[in-house]
C-alpha atoms as a PDB file:
ATOM      1  CA  MET A   1      48.918  76.042 -34.757  1.00  0.00           C
ATOM      2  CA  LEU A   2      48.846  72.804 -32.773  1.00  0.00           C
ATOM      3  CA  LYS A   3      46.212  74.237 -30.416  1.00  0.00           C
ATOM      4  CA  ILE A   4      43.921  75.091 -33.342  1.00  0.00           C
ATOM      5  CA  LEU A   5      44.240  71.584 -34.829  1.00  0.00           C
ATOM      6  CA  LEU A   6      43.617  70.048 -31.409  1.00  0.00           C
ATOM      7  CA  LEU A   7      40.533  72.254 -30.908  1.00  0.00           C
ATOM      8  CA  ILE A   8      39.180  71.316 -34.353  1.00  0.00           C
ATOM      9  CA  GLY A   9      39.773  67.628 -33.561  1.00  0.00           C
ATOM     10  CA  VAL A  10      37.887  67.913 -30.269  1.00  0.00           C
ATOM     11  CA  VAL A  11      34.966  69.734 -31.922  1.00  0.00           C
ATOM     12  CA  VAL A  12      34.750  67.108 -34.687  1.00  0.00           C
ATOM     13  CA  GLY A  13      34.983  64.321 -32.081  1.00  0.00           C
ATOM     14  CA  VAL A  14      32.172  65.815 -30.017  1.00  0.00           C
ATOM     15  CA  TYR A  15      30.043  66.210 -33.144  1.00  0.00           C
ATOM     16  CA  PHE A  16      30.448  62.573 -34.153  1.00  0.00           C
ATOM     17  CA  LEU A  17      29.998  61.353 -30.597  1.00  0.00           C
ATOM     18  CA  PHE A  18      26.821  63.246 -29.722  1.00  0.00           C
ATOM     19  CA  PHE A  19      25.159  64.700 -32.806  1.00  0.00           C
ATOM     20  CA  LYS A  20      25.790  62.277 -35.634  1.00  0.00           C
ATOM     21  CA  LYS A  21      22.968  59.729 -35.981  1.00  0.00           C
ATOM     22  CA  LYS A  22      24.238  56.201 -35.676  1.00  0.00           C
ATOM     23  CA  ASN A  23      22.599  53.400 -37.655  1.00  0.00           C
ATOM     24  CA  LEU A  24      24.431  50.511 -36.090  1.00  0.00           C
ATOM     25  CA  LYS A  25      21.259  48.486 -35.611  1.00  0.00           C
ATOM     26  CA  PRO A  26      19.819  46.543 -38.517  1.00  0.00           C
ATOM     27  CA  PRO A  27      16.509  47.897 -39.775  1.00  0.00           C
ATOM     28  CA  SER A  28      13.754  46.953 -37.384  1.00  0.00           C
ATOM     29  CA  SER A  29      11.396  44.362 -38.690  1.00  0.00           C
ATOM     30  CA  ASP A  30       7.783  45.231 -38.019  1.00  0.00           C
ATOM     31  CA  ASN A  31       6.789  41.580 -38.162  1.00  0.00           C
ATOM     32  CA  SER A  32       5.095  42.363 -41.458  1.00  0.00           C
ATOM     33  CA  GLN A  33       7.786  40.381 -43.263  1.00  0.00           C
ATOM     34  CA  GLU A  34       7.622  37.504 -40.808  1.00  0.00           C
ATOM     35  CA  GLU A  35       3.838  37.347 -40.621  1.00  0.00           C
ATOM     36  CA  ALA A  36       2.388  33.879 -40.972  1.00  0.00           C
ATOM     37  CA  MET A  37       0.404  33.081 -44.112  1.00  0.00           C
ATOM     38  CA  ILE A  38      -2.423  30.601 -43.539  1.00  0.00           C
ATOM     39  CA  PRO A  39      -4.392  28.761 -46.238  1.00  0.00           C
ATOM     40  CA  CYS A  40      -8.148  29.187 -46.358  1.00  0.00           C
ATOM     41  CA  ALA A  41      -9.993  25.999 -45.375  1.00  0.00           C
ATOM     42  CA  LYS A  42     -12.444  26.419 -48.276  1.00  0.00           C
ATOM     43  CA  CYS A  43     -10.524  27.756 -51.305  1.00  0.00           C
ATOM     44  CA  SER A  44      -6.882  27.227 -50.170  1.00  0.00           C
ATOM     45  CA  THR A  45      -5.988  30.864 -50.809  1.00  0.00           C
ATOM     46  CA  TYR A  46      -3.200  32.042 -48.522  1.00  0.00           C
ATOM     47  CA  VAL A  47      -4.090  34.967 -46.288  1.00  0.00           C
ATOM     48  CA  SER A  48      -2.176  36.632 -43.464  1.00  0.00           C
ATOM     49  CA  ALA A  49      -3.013  35.563 -39.943  1.00  0.00           C
ATOM     50  CA  LYS A  50      -4.147  39.097 -39.068  1.00  0.00           C
ATOM     51  CA  GLU A  51      -6.629  39.288 -41.948  1.00  0.00           C
ATOM     52  CA  SER A  52      -8.019  35.772 -41.683  1.00  0.00           C
ATOM     53  CA  LEU A  53     -11.353  34.826 -40.155  1.00  0.00           C
ATOM     54  CA  MET A  54     -11.569  31.866 -37.805  1.00  0.00           C
ATOM     55  CA  ARG A  55     -14.459  29.546 -37.052  1.00  0.00           C
ATOM     56  CA  ASP A  56     -14.344  26.116 -35.404  1.00  0.00           C
ATOM     57  CA  GLY A  57     -10.546  26.117 -35.446  1.00  0.00           C
ATOM     58  CA  LYS A  58     -10.329  26.712 -39.220  1.00  0.00           C
ATOM     59  CA  TYR A  59      -9.113  29.838 -40.982  1.00  0.00           C
ATOM     60  CA  TYR A  60     -10.993  31.479 -43.858  1.00  0.00           C
ATOM     61  CA  CYS A  61      -9.996  34.250 -46.267  1.00  0.00           C
ATOM     62  CA  CYS A  62     -13.362  36.063 -46.521  1.00  0.00           C
ATOM     63  CA  HIS A  63     -16.970  35.983 -45.383  1.00  0.00           C
ATOM     64  CA  GLU A  64     -18.080  34.098 -48.504  1.00  0.00           C
ATOM     65  CA  CYS A  65     -15.773  31.193 -47.695  1.00  0.00           C
ATOM     66  CA  LEU A  66     -16.714  31.385 -44.040  1.00  0.00           C
ATOM     67  CA  GLU A  67     -20.448  31.083 -44.783  1.00  0.00           C
ATOM     68  CA  ALA A  68     -20.126  28.400 -47.469  1.00  0.00           C
END
């Protein structure tokens, strides 16, 4: 009886050690939450740094503001 319990314990231990997914890390941030928001130089609308347009060191939200 003790051998069977010991075998079951080893099998469960191996399962948790090798096959069970571990989520010990916090969810990875894709920098989408920490992305900088920059105001448009023309209309002061905030736009993400990736989507903004830059000319002469100033950031713009769209082509209309860039051309105006």
